[in-house]
Amino acid sequence: MDMIVREIGREDPVQVLGIYWVDNERFYWVIPYDGYGGLMALSEREVDMVDSSLSNDFILCKDGDGGDMILHWAAEDLIEELVERDPLAMAEFLGRIKD
């Protein structure tokens, strides 16, 4: 199973690809819709949890500030580029998760 959230005001739920914390607030990395060119962060206040399961595809790693982050393995070395909506990083990421 995958962790799934639904952004408040949107109809379609999305898969969570990473989780991180800022000042005790949880944020979720998601691809908000098909065709979006990277990852978007959604605050726990902006979403309803649909499924809280974490698959074996997630790893514990550190963010740029040394804080803990739970991230899909395929995004670990691409996270900064995915946040910047780099098209090459997004293509690489999508290729990895399809294999």
PDB file of N, CA and C in Angstrom:
ATOM      1  N   MET A   1       0.836  -1.200   0.000  1.00  0.00           N
ATOM      2  CA  MET A   1       0.000   0.000   0.000  1.00  0.00           C
ATOM      3  C   MET A   1       0.875   1.256   0.000  1.00  0.00           C
ATOM      4  N   ASP A   2       0.309   2.309  -0.491  1.00  0.00           N
ATOM      5  CA  ASP A   2       0.994   3.600  -0.532  1.00  0.00           C
ATOM      6  C   ASP A   2       0.254   4.600   0.344  1.00  0.00           C
ATOM      7  N   MET A   3       1.007   5.547   0.900  1.00  0.00           N
ATOM      8  CA  MET A   3       0.379   6.629   1.644  1.00  0.00           C
ATOM      9  C   MET A   3      -0.310   7.547   0.640  1.00  0.00           C
ATOM     10  N   ILE A   4      -1.574   7.864   0.926  1.00  0.00           N
ATOM     11  CA  ILE A   4      -2.389   8.668   0.017  1.00  0.00           C
ATOM     12  C   ILE A   4      -3.008   9.822   0.808  1.00  0.00           C
ATOM     13  N   VAL A   5      -2.953  11.028   0.227  1.00  0.00           N
ATOM     14  CA  VAL A   5      -3.608  12.195   0.813  1.00  0.00           C
ATOM     15  C   VAL A   5      -4.464  12.868  -0.258  1.00  0.00           C
ATOM     16  N   ARG A   6      -5.420  13.663   0.201  1.00  0.00           N
ATOM     17  CA  ARG A   6      -6.238  14.470  -0.716  1.00  0.00           C
ATOM     18  C   ARG A   6      -6.139  15.910  -0.261  1.00  0.00           C
ATOM     19  N   GLU A   7      -5.638  16.757  -1.164  1.00  0.00           N
ATOM     20  CA  GLU A   7      -5.567  18.179  -0.842  1.00  0.00           C
ATOM     21  C   GLU A   7      -6.974  18.719  -0.673  1.00  0.00           C
ATOM     22  N   ILE A   8      -7.194  19.467   0.399  1.00  0.00           N
ATOM     23  CA  ILE A   8      -8.509  20.042   0.662  1.00  0.00           C
ATOM     24  C   ILE A   8      -8.900  20.937  -0.519  1.00  0.00           C
ATOM     25  N   GLY A   9     -10.085  20.699  -1.068  1.00  0.00           N
ATOM     26  CA  GLY A   9     -10.559  21.453  -2.219  1.00  0.00           C
ATOM     27  C   GLY A   9     -10.314  20.763  -3.549  1.00  0.00           C
ATOM     28  N   ARG A  10      -9.517  19.697  -3.537  1.00  0.00           N
ATOM     29  CA  ARG A  10      -9.282  18.919  -4.761  1.00  0.00           C
ATOM     30  C   ARG A  10     -10.028  17.601  -4.668  1.00  0.00           C
ATOM     31  N   GLU A  11     -10.412  17.094  -5.814  1.00  0.00           N
ATOM     32  CA  GLU A  11     -11.184  15.858  -5.843  1.00  0.00           C
ATOM     33  C   GLU A  11     -10.305  14.622  -5.790  1.00  0.00           C
ATOM     34  N   ASP A  12      -9.191  14.638  -6.524  1.00  0.00           N
ATOM     35  CA  ASP A  12      -8.383  13.438  -6.680  1.00  0.00           C
ATOM     36  C   ASP A  12      -7.333  13.307  -5.588  1.00  0.00           C
ATOM     37  N   PRO A  13      -7.248  12.119  -4.959  1.00  0.00           N
ATOM     38  CA  PRO A  13      -6.180  11.874  -3.993  1.00  0.00           C
ATOM     39  C   PRO A  13      -4.857  11.649  -4.723  1.00  0.00           C
ATOM     40  N   VAL A  14      -3.746  11.862  -4.010  1.00  0.00           N
ATOM     41  CA  VAL A  14      -2.418  11.693  -4.600  1.00  0.00           C
ATOM     42  C   VAL A  14      -1.536  10.871  -3.666  1.00  0.00           C
ATOM     43  N   GLN A  15      -0.541  10.230  -4.257  1.00  0.00           N
ATOM     44  CA  GLN A  15       0.411   9.420  -3.508  1.00  0.00           C
ATOM     45  C   GLN A  15       1.452  10.320  -2.839  1.00  0.00           C
ATOM     46  N   VAL A  16       1.778  10.016  -1.597  1.00  0.00           N
ATOM     47  CA  VAL A  16       2.837  10.729  -0.882  1.00  0.00           C
ATOM     48  C   VAL A  16       4.174  10.092  -1.258  1.00  0.00           C
ATOM     49  N   LEU A  17       5.144  10.935  -1.640  1.00  0.00           N
ATOM     50  CA  LEU A  17       6.465  10.457  -2.046  1.00  0.00           C
ATOM     51  C   LEU A  17       7.551  10.850  -1.056  1.00  0.00           C
ATOM     52  N   GLY A  18       7.187  11.642  -0.063  1.00  0.00           N
ATOM     53  CA  GLY A  18       8.136  12.014   0.968  1.00  0.00           C
ATOM     54  C   GLY A  18       7.431  12.760   2.088  1.00  0.00           C
ATOM     55  N   ILE A  19       8.065  12.749   3.257  1.00  0.00           N
ATOM     56  CA  ILE A  19       7.528  13.436   4.430  1.00  0.00           C
ATOM     57  C   ILE A  19       8.694  14.135   5.115  1.00  0.00           C
ATOM     58  N   TYR A  20       8.474  15.382   5.507  1.00  0.00           N
ATOM     59  CA  TYR A  20       9.487  16.088   6.286  1.00  0.00           C
ATOM     60  C   TYR A  20       8.788  17.013   7.272  1.00  0.00           C
ATOM     61  N   TRP A  21       9.562  17.548   8.210  1.00  0.00           N
ATOM     62  CA  TRP A  21       9.004  18.371   9.270  1.00  0.00           C
ATOM     63  C   TRP A  21       9.724  19.707   9.342  1.00  0.00           C
ATOM     64  N   VAL A  22       8.963  20.765   9.579  1.00  0.00           N
ATOM     65  CA  VAL A  22       9.503  22.099   9.834  1.00  0.00           C
ATOM     66  C   VAL A  22       8.778  22.628  11.067  1.00  0.00           C
ATOM     67  N   ASP A  23       9.531  22.924  12.114  1.00  0.00           N
ATOM     68  CA  ASP A  23       8.938  23.439  13.360  1.00  0.00           C
ATOM     69  C   ASP A  23       7.746  22.593  13.813  1.00  0.00           C
ATOM     70  N   ASN A  24       7.930  21.295  13.851  1.00  0.00           N
ATOM     71  CA  ASN A  24       6.912  20.339  14.308  1.00  0.00           C
ATOM     72  C   ASN A  24       5.675  20.269  13.418  1.00  0.00           C
ATOM     73  N   GLU A  25       5.730  20.844  12.230  1.00  0.00           N
ATOM     74  CA  GLU A  25       4.627  20.703  11.275  1.00  0.00           C
ATOM     75  C   GLU A  25       5.070  19.728  10.186  1.00  0.00           C
ATOM     76  N   ARG A  26       4.205  18.775   9.878  1.00  0.00           N
ATOM     77  CA  ARG A  26       4.517  17.761   8.873  1.00  0.00           C
ATOM     78  C   ARG A  26       4.135  18.262   7.489  1.00  0.00           C
ATOM     79  N   PHE A  27       5.015  17.984   6.530  1.00  0.00           N
ATOM     80  CA  PHE A  27       4.769  18.298   5.128  1.00  0.00           C
ATOM     81  C   PHE A  27       4.914  17.031   4.308  1.00  0.00           C
ATOM     82  N   TYR A  28       4.124  16.950   3.234  1.00  0.00           N
ATOM     83  CA  TYR A  28       4.138  15.793   2.341  1.00  0.00           C
ATOM     84  C   TYR A  28       4.611  16.231   0.957  1.00  0.00           C
ATOM     85  N   TRP A  29       5.553  15.475   0.391  1.00  0.00           N
ATOM     86  CA  TRP A  29       5.949  15.685  -1.008  1.00  0.00           C
ATOM     87  C   TRP A  29       4.995  14.880  -1.869  1.00  0.00           C
ATOM     88  N   VAL A  30       4.366  15.529  -2.833  1.00  0.00           N
ATOM     89  CA  VAL A  30       3.429  14.863  -3.739  1.00  0.00           C
ATOM     90  C   VAL A  30       3.636  15.392  -5.163  1.00  0.00           C
ATOM     91  N   ILE A  31       3.153  14.641  -6.120  1.00  0.00           N
ATOM     92  CA  ILE A  31       2.956  15.136  -7.480  1.00  0.00           C
ATOM     93  C   ILE A  31       1.469  15.471  -7.532  1.00  0.00           C
ATOM     94  N   PRO A  32       1.110  16.767  -7.518  1.00  0.00           N
ATOM     95  CA  PRO A  32      -0.289  17.147  -7.310  1.00  0.00           C
ATOM     96  C   PRO A  32      -1.242  16.737  -8.428  1.00  0.00           C
ATOM     97  N   TYR A  33      -0.741  16.561  -9.636  1.00  0.00           N
ATOM     98  CA  TYR A  33      -1.583  16.125 -10.747  1.00  0.00           C
ATOM     99  C   TYR A  33      -0.684  15.645 -11.873  1.00  0.00           C
ATOM    100  N   ASP A  34      -1.231  14.810 -12.744  1.00  0.00           N
ATOM    101  CA  ASP A  34      -0.477  14.309 -13.892  1.00  0.00           C
ATOM    102  C   ASP A  34       0.019  15.474 -14.726  1.00  0.00           C
ATOM    103  N   GLY A  35       1.284  15.412 -15.090  1.00  0.00           N
ATOM    104  CA  GLY A  35       1.864  16.460 -15.907  1.00  0.00           C
ATOM    105  C   GLY A  35       2.575  17.542 -15.115  1.00  0.00           C
ATOM    106  N   TYR A  36       2.418  17.561 -13.788  1.00  0.00           N
ATOM    107  CA  TYR A  36       3.161  18.523 -12.967  1.00  0.00           C
ATOM    108  C   TYR A  36       4.622  18.132 -13.030  1.00  0.00           C
ATOM    109  N   GLY A  37       5.503  19.100 -13.172  1.00  0.00           N
ATOM    110  CA  GLY A  37       6.891  18.822 -13.481  1.00  0.00           C
ATOM    111  C   GLY A  37       7.812  18.553 -12.320  1.00  0.00           C
ATOM    112  N   GLY A  38       7.297  18.222 -11.147  1.00  0.00           N
ATOM    113  CA  GLY A  38       8.165  17.971 -10.008  1.00  0.00           C
ATOM    114  C   GLY A  38       7.351  17.591  -8.791  1.00  0.00           C
ATOM    115  N   LEU A  39       7.918  17.865  -7.621  1.00  0.00           N
ATOM    116  CA  LEU A  39       7.230  17.581  -6.368  1.00  0.00           C
ATOM    117  C   LEU A  39       6.758  18.875  -5.728  1.00  0.00           C
ATOM    118  N   MET A  40       5.604  18.831  -5.123  1.00  0.00           N
ATOM    119  CA  MET A  40       5.037  19.971  -4.403  1.00  0.00           C
ATOM    120  C   MET A  40       4.883  19.565  -2.942  1.00  0.00           C
ATOM    121  N   ALA A  41       5.151  20.502  -2.044  1.00  0.00           N
ATOM    122  CA  ALA A  41       4.972  20.247  -0.618  1.00  0.00           C
ATOM    123  C   ALA A  41       3.588  20.702  -0.179  1.00  0.00           C
ATOM    124  N   LEU A  42       2.913  19.834   0.550  1.00  0.00           N
ATOM    125  CA  LEU A  42       1.614  20.169   1.126  1.00  0.00           C
ATOM    126  C   LEU A  42       1.706  19.999   2.638  1.00  0.00           C
ATOM    127  N   SER A  43       1.253  20.991   3.373  1.00  0.00           N
ATOM    128  CA  SER A  43       1.224  20.923   4.826  1.00  0.00           C
ATOM    129  C   SER A  43       0.148  19.942   5.277  1.00  0.00           C
ATOM    130  N   GLU A  44       0.378  19.324   6.440  1.00  0.00           N
ATOM    131  CA  GLU A  44      -0.633  18.425   6.989  1.00  0.00           C
ATOM    132  C   GLU A  44      -1.966  19.147   7.189  1.00  0.00           C
ATOM    133  N   ARG A  45      -1.942  20.468   7.321  1.00  0.00           N
ATOM    134  CA  ARG A  45      -3.174  21.244   7.482  1.00  0.00           C
ATOM    135  C   ARG A  45      -3.928  21.403   6.164  1.00  0.00           C
ATOM    136  N   GLU A  46      -3.259  21.134   5.047  1.00  0.00           N
ATOM    137  CA  GLU A  46      -3.865  21.325   3.724  1.00  0.00           C
ATOM    138  C   GLU A  46      -4.443  20.040   3.142  1.00  0.00           C
ATOM    139  N   VAL A  47      -4.318  18.921   3.874  1.00  0.00           N
ATOM    140  CA  VAL A  47      -4.722  17.640   3.306  1.00  0.00           C
ATOM    141  C   VAL A  47      -5.589  16.853   4.277  1.00  0.00           C
ATOM    142  N   ASP A  48      -6.342  15.931   3.704  1.00  0.00           N
ATOM    143  CA  ASP A  48      -7.020  14.885   4.460  1.00  0.00           C
ATOM    144  C   ASP A  48      -6.283  13.593   4.170  1.00  0.00           C
ATOM    145  N   MET A  49      -5.994  12.808   5.197  1.00  0.00           N
ATOM    146  CA  MET A  49      -5.308  11.530   5.025  1.00  0.00           C
ATOM    147  C   MET A  49      -6.309  10.504   4.513  1.00  0.00           C
ATOM    148  N   VAL A  50      -5.972   9.860   3.402  1.00  0.00           N
ATOM    149  CA  VAL A  50      -6.817   8.826   2.828  1.00  0.00           C
ATOM    150  C   VAL A  50      -6.315   7.453   3.270  1.00  0.00           C
ATOM    151  N   ASP A  51      -4.996   7.250   3.177  1.00  0.00           N
ATOM    152  CA  ASP A  51      -4.368   5.993   3.602  1.00  0.00           C
ATOM    153  C   ASP A  51      -3.018   6.340   4.202  1.00  0.00           C
ATOM    154  N   SER A  52      -2.789   5.952   5.442  1.00  0.00           N
ATOM    155  CA  SER A  52      -1.545   6.317   6.128  1.00  0.00           C
ATOM    156  C   SER A  52      -0.461   5.249   6.023  1.00  0.00           C
ATOM    157  N   SER A  53      -0.646   4.246   5.183  1.00  0.00           N
ATOM    158  CA  SER A  53       0.341   3.176   5.030  1.00  0.00           C
ATOM    159  C   SER A  53       1.625   3.695   4.396  1.00  0.00           C
ATOM    160  N   LEU A  54       2.758   3.201   4.885  1.00  0.00           N
ATOM    161  CA  LEU A  54       4.054   3.495   4.259  1.00  0.00           C
ATOM    162  C   LEU A  54       4.558   2.219   3.619  1.00  0.00           C
ATOM    163  N   SER A  55       4.882   2.281   2.343  1.00  0.00           N
ATOM    164  CA  SER A  55       5.389   1.094   1.649  1.00  0.00           C
ATOM    165  C   SER A  55       6.873   0.908   1.953  1.00  0.00           C
ATOM    166  N   ASN A  56       7.399  -0.220   1.528  1.00  0.00           N
ATOM    167  CA  ASN A  56       8.826  -0.510   1.695  1.00  0.00           C
ATOM    168  C   ASN A  56       9.699   0.324   0.782  1.00  0.00           C
ATOM    169  N   ASP A  57       9.104   1.153  -0.066  1.00  0.00           N
ATOM    170  CA  ASP A  57       9.862   2.004  -0.986  1.00  0.00           C
ATOM    171  C   ASP A  57      10.438   3.229  -0.296  1.00  0.00           C
ATOM    172  N   PHE A  58      10.106   3.453   0.982  1.00  0.00           N
ATOM    173  CA  PHE A  58      10.551   4.650   1.688  1.00  0.00           C
ATOM    174  C   PHE A  58      11.807   4.390   2.505  1.00  0.00           C
ATOM    175  N   ILE A  59      12.667   5.397   2.545  1.00  0.00           N
ATOM    176  CA  ILE A  59      13.894   5.337   3.324  1.00  0.00           C
ATOM    177  C   ILE A  59      13.961   6.559   4.232  1.00  0.00           C
ATOM    178  N   LEU A  60      14.676   6.421   5.324  1.00  0.00           N
ATOM    179  CA  LEU A  60      14.919   7.541   6.221  1.00  0.00           C
ATOM    180  C   LEU A  60      16.219   8.200   5.793  1.00  0.00           C
ATOM    181  N   CYS A  61      16.195   9.506   5.571  1.00  0.00           N
ATOM    182  CA  CYS A  61      17.398  10.231   5.174  1.00  0.00           C
ATOM    183  C   CYS A  61      17.349  11.626   5.791  1.00  0.00           C
ATOM    184  N   LYS A  62      18.360  12.415   5.517  1.00  0.00           N
ATOM    185  CA  LYS A  62      18.450  13.770   6.060  1.00  0.00           C
ATOM    186  C   LYS A  62      18.143  14.781   4.978  1.00  0.00           C
ATOM    187  N   ASP A  63      17.464  15.867   5.368  1.00  0.00           N
ATOM    188  CA  ASP A  63      17.236  16.957   4.426  1.00  0.00           C
ATOM    189  C   ASP A  63      18.443  17.882   4.428  1.00  0.00           C
ATOM    190  N   GLY A  64      18.402  18.937   3.658  1.00  0.00           N
ATOM    191  CA  GLY A  64      19.532  19.852   3.532  1.00  0.00           C
ATOM    192  C   GLY A  64      19.940  20.515   4.832  1.00  0.00           C
ATOM    193  N   ASP A  65      19.020  20.601   5.795  1.00  0.00           N
ATOM    194  CA  ASP A  65      19.313  21.217   7.090  1.00  0.00           C
ATOM    195  C   ASP A  65      19.652  20.186   8.158  1.00  0.00           C
ATOM    196  N   GLY A  66      19.765  18.917   7.765  1.00  0.00           N
ATOM    197  CA  GLY A  66      20.110  17.871   8.718  1.00  0.00           C
ATOM    198  C   GLY A  66      18.926  17.269   9.432  1.00  0.00           C
ATOM    199  N   GLY A  67      17.703  17.690   9.091  1.00  0.00           N
ATOM    200  CA  GLY A  67      16.502  17.127   9.706  1.00  0.00           C
ATOM    201  C   GLY A  67      16.120  15.803   9.058  1.00  0.00           C
ATOM    202  N   ASP A  68      15.373  15.003   9.800  1.00  0.00           N
ATOM    203  CA  ASP A  68      14.926  13.721   9.264  1.00  0.00           C
ATOM    204  C   ASP A  68      13.874  13.921   8.184  1.00  0.00           C
ATOM    205  N   MET A  69      13.957  13.057   7.183  1.00  0.00           N
ATOM    206  CA  MET A  69      13.000  13.069   6.085  1.00  0.00           C
ATOM    207  C   MET A  69      12.759  11.615   5.698  1.00  0.00           C
ATOM    208  N   ILE A  70      11.528  11.284   5.424  1.00  0.00           N
ATOM    209  CA  ILE A  70      11.174   9.962   4.910  1.00  0.00           C
ATOM    210  C   ILE A  70      10.865  10.175   3.439  1.00  0.00           C
ATOM    211  N   LEU A  71      11.573   9.434   2.590  1.00  0.00           N
ATOM    212  CA  LEU A  71      11.519   9.733   1.160  1.00  0.00           C
ATOM    213  C   LEU A  71      11.468   8.445   0.354  1.00  0.00           C
ATOM    214  N   HIS A  72      10.745   8.488  -0.745  1.00  0.00           N
ATOM    215  CA  HIS A  72      10.752   7.371  -1.688  1.00  0.00           C
ATOM    216  C   HIS A  72      12.187   7.197  -2.176  1.00  0.00           C
ATOM    217  N   TRP A  73      12.678   5.968  -2.203  1.00  0.00           N
ATOM    218  CA  TRP A  73      14.077   5.709  -2.559  1.00  0.00           C
ATOM    219  C   TRP A  73      14.457   6.323  -3.902  1.00  0.00           C
ATOM    220  N   ALA A  74      13.535   6.358  -4.842  1.00  0.00           N
ATOM    221  CA  ALA A  74      13.844   6.831  -6.198  1.00  0.00           C
ATOM    222  C   ALA A  74      14.077   8.335  -6.249  1.00  0.00           C
ATOM    223  N   ALA A  75      13.700   9.059  -5.189  1.00  0.00           N
ATOM    224  CA  ALA A  75      13.857  10.517  -5.170  1.00  0.00           C
ATOM    225  C   ALA A  75      15.055  10.968  -4.350  1.00  0.00           C
ATOM    226  N   GLU A  76      15.738  10.049  -3.664  1.00  0.00           N
ATOM    227  CA  GLU A  76      16.755  10.450  -2.688  1.00  0.00           C
ATOM    228  C   GLU A  76      17.805  11.401  -3.263  1.00  0.00           C
ATOM    229  N   ASP A  77      18.399  11.056  -4.384  1.00  0.00           N
ATOM    230  CA  ASP A  77      19.451  11.909  -4.937  1.00  0.00           C
ATOM    231  C   ASP A  77      18.920  12.957  -5.915  1.00  0.00           C
ATOM    232  N   LEU A  78      17.602  13.039  -6.044  1.00  0.00           N
ATOM    233  CA  LEU A  78      16.974  13.972  -6.993  1.00  0.00           C
ATOM    234  C   LEU A  78      16.094  15.010  -6.314  1.00  0.00           C
ATOM    235  N   ILE A  79      15.972  14.947  -4.989  1.00  0.00           N
ATOM    236  CA  ILE A  79      14.930  15.726  -4.309  1.00  0.00           C
ATOM    237  C   ILE A  79      15.030  17.226  -4.600  1.00  0.00           C
ATOM    238  N   GLU A  80      16.221  17.792  -4.560  1.00  0.00           N
ATOM    239  CA  GLU A  80      16.328  19.235  -4.801  1.00  0.00           C
ATOM    240  C   GLU A  80      15.891  19.593  -6.207  1.00  0.00           C
ATOM    241  N   GLU A  81      16.285  18.785  -7.194  1.00  0.00           N
ATOM    242  CA  GLU A  81      15.900  19.046  -8.577  1.00  0.00           C
ATOM    243  C   GLU A  81      14.399  18.845  -8.785  1.00  0.00           C
ATOM    244  N   LEU A  82      13.820  17.864  -8.086  1.00  0.00           N
ATOM    245  CA  LEU A  82      12.380  17.633  -8.203  1.00  0.00           C
ATOM    246  C   LEU A  82      11.585  18.798  -7.626  1.00  0.00           C
ATOM    247  N   VAL A  83      12.057  19.355  -6.541  1.00  0.00           N
ATOM    248  CA  VAL A  83      11.390  20.518  -5.946  1.00  0.00           C
ATOM    249  C   VAL A  83      11.493  21.723  -6.886  1.00  0.00           C
ATOM    250  N   GLU A  84      12.619  21.823  -7.588  1.00  0.00           N
ATOM    251  CA  GLU A  84      12.812  22.918  -8.540  1.00  0.00           C
ATOM    252  C   GLU A  84      12.094  22.673  -9.868  1.00  0.00           C
ATOM    253  N   ARG A  85      11.417  21.548  -9.976  1.00  0.00           N
ATOM    254  CA  ARG A  85      10.674  21.155 -11.184  1.00  0.00           C
ATOM    255  C   ARG A  85      11.583  21.005 -12.396  1.00  0.00           C
ATOM    256  N   ASP A  86      12.740  20.397 -12.184  1.00  0.00           N
ATOM    257  CA  ASP A  86      13.680  20.121 -13.266  1.00  0.00           C
ATOM    258  C   ASP A  86      13.120  18.979 -14.125  1.00  0.00           C
ATOM    259  N   PRO A  87      12.903  19.212 -15.424  1.00  0.00           N
ATOM    260  CA  PRO A  87      12.272  18.186 -16.259  1.00  0.00           C
ATOM    261  C   PRO A  87      13.113  16.918 -16.406  1.00  0.00           C
ATOM    262  N   LEU A  88      14.435  17.040 -16.425  1.00  0.00           N
ATOM    263  CA  LEU A  88      15.279  15.856 -16.535  1.00  0.00           C
ATOM    264  C   LEU A  88      15.205  15.013 -15.268  1.00  0.00           C
ATOM    265  N   ALA A  89      15.188  15.669 -14.112  1.00  0.00           N
ATOM    266  CA  ALA A  89      15.070  14.944 -12.844  1.00  0.00           C
ATOM    267  C   ALA A  89      13.718  14.245 -12.758  1.00  0.00           C
ATOM    268  N   MET A  90      12.672  14.912 -13.203  1.00  0.00           N
ATOM    269  CA  MET A  90      11.339  14.315 -13.149  1.00  0.00           C
ATOM    270  C   MET A  90      11.265  13.092 -14.061  1.00  0.00           C
ATOM    271  N   ALA A  91      11.842  13.196 -15.246  1.00  0.00           N
ATOM    272  CA  ALA A  91      11.857  12.057 -16.167  1.00  0.00           C
ATOM    273  C   ALA A  91      12.638  10.888 -15.554  1.00  0.00           C
ATOM    274  N   GLU A  92      13.761  11.176 -14.929  1.00  0.00           N
ATOM    275  CA  GLU A  92      14.566  10.148 -14.275  1.00  0.00           C
ATOM    276  C   GLU A  92      13.781   9.493 -13.137  1.00  0.00           C
ATOM    277  N   PHE A  93      13.147  10.307 -12.305  1.00  0.00           N
ATOM    278  CA  PHE A  93      12.362   9.792 -11.181  1.00  0.00           C
ATOM    279  C   PHE A  93      11.231   8.891 -11.665  1.00  0.00           C
ATOM    280  N   LEU A  94      10.453   9.352 -12.643  1.00  0.00           N
ATOM    281  CA  LEU A  94       9.339   8.564 -13.148  1.00  0.00           C
ATOM    282  C   LEU A  94       9.816   7.269 -13.769  1.00  0.00           C
ATOM    283  N   GLY A  95      10.978   7.318 -14.437  1.00  0.00           N
ATOM    284  CA  GLY A  95      11.558   6.096 -14.993  1.00  0.00           C
ATOM    285  C   GLY A  95      11.936   5.099 -13.913  1.00  0.00           C
ATOM    286  N   ARG A  96      12.477   5.591 -12.823  1.00  0.00           N
ATOM    287  CA  ARG A  96      12.874   4.712 -11.716  1.00  0.00           C
ATOM    288  C   ARG A  96      11.679   4.032 -11.072  1.00  0.00           C
ATOM    289  N   ILE A  97      10.595   4.775 -10.855  1.00  0.00           N
ATOM    290  CA  ILE A  97       9.473   4.162 -10.132  1.00  0.00           C
ATOM    291  C   ILE A  97       8.648   3.240 -11.026  1.00  0.00           C
ATOM    292  N   LYS A  98       8.836   3.318 -12.329  1.00  0.00           N
ATOM    293  CA  LYS A  98       8.113   2.415 -13.227  1.00  0.00           C
ATOM    294  C   LYS A  98       8.805   1.075 -13.367  1.00  0.00           C
ATOM    295  N   ASP A  99      10.097   1.023 -13.053  1.00  0.00           N
ATOM    296  CA  ASP A  99      10.847  -0.245 -13.194  1.00  0.00           C
ATOM    297  C   ASP A  99      10.455  -1.249 -12.137  1.00  0.00           C
TER     298      ASP A  99
END
